[in-house]
Protein backbone atom coordinates (compact mmCIF):
# COMPACT_ATOMS: atom_id res chain seq x y z
CA UNK A 1 4.54 38.91 9.24
CA UNK A 2 1.72 38.93 11.86
CA UNK A 3 1.14 35.77 13.81
CA UNK A 4 -2.64 35.66 13.24
CA UNK A 5 -3.15 33.30 10.25
CA UNK A 6 -5.92 35.35 8.62
CA UNK A 7 -3.90 38.56 8.67
CA UNK A 8 -0.72 36.77 7.57
CA UNK A 9 -2.46 35.15 4.58
CA UNK A 10 -3.95 38.47 3.48
CA UNK A 11 -0.60 40.27 3.69
CA UNK A 12 1.05 37.45 1.74
CA UNK A 13 -1.59 37.60 -1.01
CA UNK A 14 -1.99 41.36 -1.23
CA UNK A 15 1.57 42.57 -0.54
CA UNK A 16 4.37 39.99 -0.41
CA UNK A 17 3.58 37.93 -3.50
CA UNK A 18 3.00 40.96 -5.78
CA UNK A 19 6.26 42.49 -4.50
CA UNK A 20 8.21 39.31 -5.25
CA UNK A 21 6.62 39.09 -8.70
CA UNK A 22 7.67 42.67 -9.51
CA UNK A 23 11.15 41.96 -8.16
CA UNK A 24 11.59 39.06 -10.59
CA UNK A 25 10.18 40.93 -13.58
CA UNK A 26 6.87 39.17 -13.41
CA UNK A 27 8.46 35.79 -13.97
CA UNK A 28 7.22 33.14 -11.58
CA UNK A 29 9.99 30.51 -11.51
CA UNK A 30 13.76 30.71 -11.08
CA UNK A 31 15.91 27.62 -11.55
CA UNK A 32 19.67 27.32 -10.98
CA UNK A 33 22.35 24.89 -12.08
CA UNK A 34 25.98 24.51 -11.07
CA UNK A 35 28.71 23.14 -13.34
CA UNK A 36 31.75 22.21 -11.26
CA UNK A 37 35.08 22.54 -13.07
CA UNK A 38 38.62 21.41 -12.34
CA UNK A 39 41.95 22.12 -14.03
CA UNK A 40 41.05 25.69 -15.02
CA UNK A 41 41.10 28.92 -13.02
CA UNK A 42 38.37 31.52 -12.65
CA UNK A 43 40.03 34.09 -14.94
CA UNK A 44 40.60 31.48 -17.64
CA UNK A 45 36.97 30.39 -17.39
CA UNK A 46 35.83 33.98 -17.81
CA UNK A 47 38.01 34.37 -20.91
CA UNK A 48 36.93 31.06 -22.44
CA UNK A 49 33.22 31.67 -21.92
CA UNK A 50 33.42 35.18 -23.37
CA UNK A 51 30.04 36.58 -24.46
CA UNK A 52 28.15 33.80 -22.69
CA UNK A 53 28.98 35.56 -19.43
CA UNK A 54 26.93 38.56 -20.62
CA UNK A 55 23.71 36.57 -21.12
CA UNK A 56 20.68 38.07 -19.38
CA UNK A 57 18.41 35.03 -19.24
CA UNK A 58 19.86 32.66 -18.27
CA UNK A 59 22.46 34.63 -16.35
CA UNK A 60 25.89 33.20 -15.60
CA UNK A 61 28.42 33.76 -12.87
CA UNK A 62 31.61 32.20 -11.56
CA UNK A 63 32.44 31.14 -8.03
CA UNK A 64 36.06 30.39 -7.14
CA UNK A 65 36.92 27.83 -4.48
CA UNK A 66 40.23 26.50 -3.24
CA UNK A 67 41.86 25.16 -6.41
CA UNK A 68 38.53 24.80 -8.21
CA UNK A 69 35.74 26.96 -9.72
CA UNK A 70 32.00 26.68 -10.40
CA UNK A 71 29.95 28.01 -13.30
CA UNK A 72 26.55 29.07 -11.94
CA UNK A 73 23.61 29.41 -14.31
CA UNK A 74 20.20 30.89 -13.35
CA UNK A 75 17.10 30.98 -15.57
CA UNK A 76 13.78 32.79 -15.11
CA UNK A 77 10.59 31.56 -16.74
CA UNK A 78 6.84 31.25 -16.28
CA UNK A 79 7.10 27.53 -15.50
CA UNK A 80 9.66 25.11 -14.10
CA UNK A 81 9.71 23.21 -17.39
CA UNK A 82 10.57 26.33 -19.38
CA UNK A 83 13.27 27.34 -16.89
CA UNK A 84 14.86 23.88 -17.13
CA UNK A 85 14.75 24.09 -20.92
CA UNK A 86 16.65 27.39 -20.78
CA UNK A 87 19.20 25.85 -18.43
CA UNK A 88 19.64 22.85 -20.73
CA UNK A 89 20.28 25.15 -23.70
CA UNK A 90 22.83 27.24 -21.84
CA UNK A 91 24.59 24.19 -20.38
CA UNK A 92 24.94 22.77 -23.89
CA UNK A 93 26.57 26.01 -25.06
CA UNK A 94 28.91 26.07 -22.05
CA UNK A 95 29.92 22.43 -22.54
CA UNK A 96 30.75 23.15 -26.17
CA UNK A 97 33.44 25.54 -24.90
CA UNK A 98 34.74 24.05 -21.63
CA UNK A 99 33.16 20.60 -21.51
CA UNK A 100 36.32 18.67 -20.64
CA UNK A 101 36.82 20.77 -17.50
CA UNK A 102 33.34 20.02 -16.11
CA UNK A 103 33.45 17.10 -13.73
CA UNK A 104 30.06 17.36 -11.97
CA UNK A 105 26.70 19.13 -11.86
CA UNK A 106 26.09 18.18 -8.24
CA UNK A 107 26.60 21.09 -5.80
CA UNK A 108 29.51 20.56 -3.38
CA UNK A 109 30.58 17.29 -5.05
CA UNK A 110 34.34 16.89 -4.89
CA UNK A 111 36.79 15.82 -7.57
CA UNK A 112 37.83 12.87 -5.43
CA UNK A 113 34.25 11.59 -5.14
CA UNK A 114 33.84 11.63 -8.93
CA UNK A 115 37.27 10.05 -9.40
CA UNK A 116 36.40 7.26 -6.96
CA UNK A 117 33.31 6.36 -9.02
CA UNK A 118 35.36 6.33 -12.23
CA UNK A 119 37.97 4.05 -10.67
CA UNK A 120 35.27 1.70 -9.41
CA UNK A 121 33.53 1.62 -12.78
CA UNK A 122 36.81 0.82 -14.55
CA UNK A 123 37.87 -1.62 -11.81
CA UNK A 124 41.10 0.40 -11.73
CA UNK A 125 43.79 0.71 -9.07
CA UNK A 126 46.37 3.46 -8.57
CA UNK A 127 49.88 3.51 -7.13
CA UNK A 128 50.90 7.03 -6.12
CA UNK A 129 54.08 8.80 -5.12
CA UNK A 130 54.13 12.49 -4.08
CA UNK A 131 57.41 14.06 -3.06
CA UNK A 132 56.45 17.20 -1.13
CA UNK A 133 52.76 17.12 -0.17
CA UNK A 134 53.20 14.56 2.61
CA UNK A 135 50.47 12.18 1.49
CA UNK A 136 47.82 14.90 1.14
CA UNK A 137 46.84 13.86 -2.39
CA UNK A 138 46.60 10.18 -1.47
CA UNK A 139 44.45 11.07 1.56
CA UNK A 140 42.06 13.08 -0.62
CA UNK A 141 41.80 10.27 -3.17
CA UNK A 142 41.08 7.74 -0.44
CA UNK A 143 38.41 10.01 1.05
CA UNK A 144 36.42 9.70 -2.17
CA UNK A 145 35.65 6.08 -1.29
CA UNK A 146 33.40 4.62 1.37
CA UNK A 147 35.33 2.89 4.19
CA UNK A 148 34.02 -0.54 3.16
CA UNK A 149 35.09 -0.15 -0.50
CA UNK A 150 38.04 -2.24 -1.73
CA UNK A 151 41.41 -0.48 -1.49
CA UNK A 152 42.19 1.14 -4.85
CA UNK A 153 44.82 3.73 -3.82
CA UNK A 154 48.31 2.50 -2.93
CA UNK A 155 50.98 4.84 -1.55
CA UNK A 156 54.29 3.59 -2.86
CA UNK A 157 57.22 3.15 -0.47
CA UNK A 158 59.65 5.89 -1.47
CA UNK A 159 62.57 4.13 0.24
CA UNK A 160 62.67 1.12 -2.04
CA UNK A 161 65.94 1.05 -3.98
CA UNK A 162 64.41 1.17 -7.46
CA UNK A 163 62.06 4.05 -6.60
CA UNK A 164 64.74 5.93 -4.68
CA UNK A 165 66.99 5.80 -7.73
CA UNK A 166 64.34 7.60 -9.77
CA UNK A 167 63.45 10.08 -7.02
CA UNK A 168 67.09 11.08 -6.56
CA UNK A 169 67.22 12.39 -10.11
CA UNK A 170 66.58 16.16 -10.57
CA UNK A 171 62.80 16.60 -11.04
CA UNK A 172 61.80 16.97 -14.67
CA UNK A 173 59.22 15.81 -17.19
CA UNK A 174 61.01 12.58 -18.09
CA UNK A 175 61.43 11.70 -14.41
CA UNK A 176 57.68 12.06 -13.81
CA UNK A 177 57.01 9.83 -16.83
CA UNK A 178 59.53 7.19 -15.73
CA UNK A 179 58.14 7.20 -12.19
CA UNK A 180 54.54 6.75 -13.37
CA UNK A 181 55.53 3.84 -15.63
CA UNK A 182 57.64 2.30 -12.86
CA UNK A 183 54.79 2.52 -10.34
CA UNK A 184 52.35 0.85 -12.70
CA UNK A 185 54.69 -2.05 -13.37
CA UNK A 186 56.29 -2.59 -9.98
CA UNK A 187 53.10 -2.18 -7.93
CA UNK A 188 50.98 -4.26 -10.32
CA UNK A 189 48.24 -1.64 -10.69
CA UNK A 190 46.31 -0.29 -13.66
CA UNK A 191 47.58 3.30 -13.21
CA UNK A 192 50.75 4.88 -11.86
CA UNK A 193 50.60 8.51 -10.66
CA UNK A 194 53.74 10.51 -9.82
CA UNK A 195 53.71 14.06 -8.43
CA UNK A 196 57.17 15.61 -8.04
CA UNK A 197 58.12 19.19 -7.28
CA UNK A 198 61.27 21.26 -7.22
CA UNK A 199 60.79 21.39 -3.44
CA UNK A 200 62.83 24.44 -2.43
CA UNK A 201 62.08 25.67 1.13
CA UNK A 202 60.90 29.15 0.05
CA UNK A 203 58.41 27.90 -2.54
CA UNK A 204 54.73 28.77 -2.14
CA UNK A 205 51.92 29.33 -4.61
CA UNK A 206 52.32 33.13 -4.58
CA UNK A 207 56.03 33.50 -3.83
CA UNK A 208 58.60 34.89 -6.24
CA UNK A 209 60.21 31.44 -6.13
CA UNK A 210 57.00 29.63 -7.08
CA UNK A 211 58.75 26.45 -8.06
CA UNK A 212 57.64 23.77 -10.50
CA UNK A 213 55.54 20.60 -10.33
CA UNK A 214 55.51 17.70 -12.76
CA UNK A 215 52.69 15.17 -12.80
CA UNK A 216 53.06 11.88 -14.63
CA UNK A 217 50.22 9.41 -15.08
CA UNK A 218 50.58 6.04 -16.79
CA UNK A 219 47.56 3.93 -17.73
CA UNK A 220 47.07 0.78 -19.80
CA UNK A 221 46.88 2.68 -23.09
CA UNK A 222 48.63 6.01 -22.60
CA UNK A 223 51.04 7.98 -20.45
CA UNK A 224 50.70 11.71 -19.89
CA UNK A 225 52.98 14.28 -18.26
CA UNK A 226 52.10 17.86 -17.37
CA UNK A 227 54.16 20.66 -15.85
CA UNK A 228 52.74 23.42 -13.64
CA UNK A 229 54.60 26.62 -12.68
CA UNK A 230 54.17 26.37 -8.93
CA UNK A 231 55.46 24.15 -6.14
CA UNK A 232 55.82 24.00 -2.40
CA UNK A 233 53.90 22.40 0.44
CA UNK A 234 51.54 25.25 1.40
CA UNK A 235 47.78 24.66 1.54
CA UNK A 236 46.95 26.43 -1.74
CA UNK A 237 49.66 24.62 -3.68
CA UNK A 238 48.55 21.27 -2.27
CA UNK A 239 44.97 21.99 -3.30
CA UNK A 240 45.89 23.04 -6.84
CA UNK A 241 48.42 20.26 -7.40
CA UNK A 242 46.07 17.66 -5.93
CA UNK A 243 43.24 18.78 -8.19
CA UNK A 244 45.52 18.76 -11.24
CA UNK A 245 46.81 15.27 -10.44
CA UNK A 246 43.30 13.88 -9.98
CA UNK A 247 42.11 15.70 -13.10
CA UNK A 248 44.83 14.12 -15.25
CA UNK A 249 43.86 10.69 -13.95
CA UNK A 250 40.18 11.51 -14.55
CA UNK A 251 40.94 12.52 -18.14
CA UNK A 252 42.86 9.32 -18.82
CA UNK A 253 40.01 7.23 -17.43
CA UNK A 254 37.52 9.12 -19.64
CA UNK A 255 39.86 9.18 -22.65
CA UNK A 256 39.93 12.99 -22.70
CA UNK A 257 42.80 15.16 -23.88
CA UNK A 258 45.21 16.29 -21.15
C-alpha cells in the first residue's frame, strides 16, 4: 500500500475491499469459535461428529495438541449478530454429540485452569499419588491456581507404611480404587486421585510395549476407575495420562459420566 494517505484510501476502497469481499463470497463478517476438548483424540472426534464435519457454513475443523484437541467453528454472515447465531446453532449440535468432552470455549485455556476453578467452587481438596510421572500431574494441577490461592493439591508421601503396602501390589483396577479411597480417608481431603502404571523401562506412548495406566478417583459420593492402554514416563504419555486424570476428576466434580 502507498504511504500517501489519499492514494492508500483510494486503493483500499477501489481494490482491496472489493477483492476481500469476492474472496469471502460477498459475505461481510466471519466469526470463529473454539471448543476445547479433553479425554478424546482427534480421530475419535472426527468419527463422533460425522456429517457435521462436512458443513459448509459454519465450517468445522479439528486441531490436535499435545494430549488434547480443539473443535474450530467458523461462520460467515452479513452481520456479526447473524454469524454468532450460526455459531450458537452449530455449537448446540456439537454439544449434543460430544458435550461431556468440552471443557472450555476460551482459546488456549488449559484443563488445569478449568479444574482449579471447579475445585475452588466446590471448596474441594485433592490428595494425589502418581507412580511414574515424577510429580508432573501434581505440578500441572497446582499451576492452575494463583500463587496466593489456598493449597488444594496435596502430594501424598509414597513412603508411608500404609500407602507403600498398596503401592507394592501389582498395578490393577482394584489397586487404583483402593489407593484413591485410602488417600481420601488418610489425608482428610474431599477427593483422592491415584495414577499407577505398569512402569516397565521400555514403555512409551508409541512403543510395542505401550504399557497400562489405571486412574482411580474417589469423591464424597462416587469412586471411578479407568484403564488406559499406554504407560511410561515419556512426555506424550505424561500429557495424555495427566489430561485423563484431571478429566476424570473434572467429571466427578460436575457429576458427569466417566
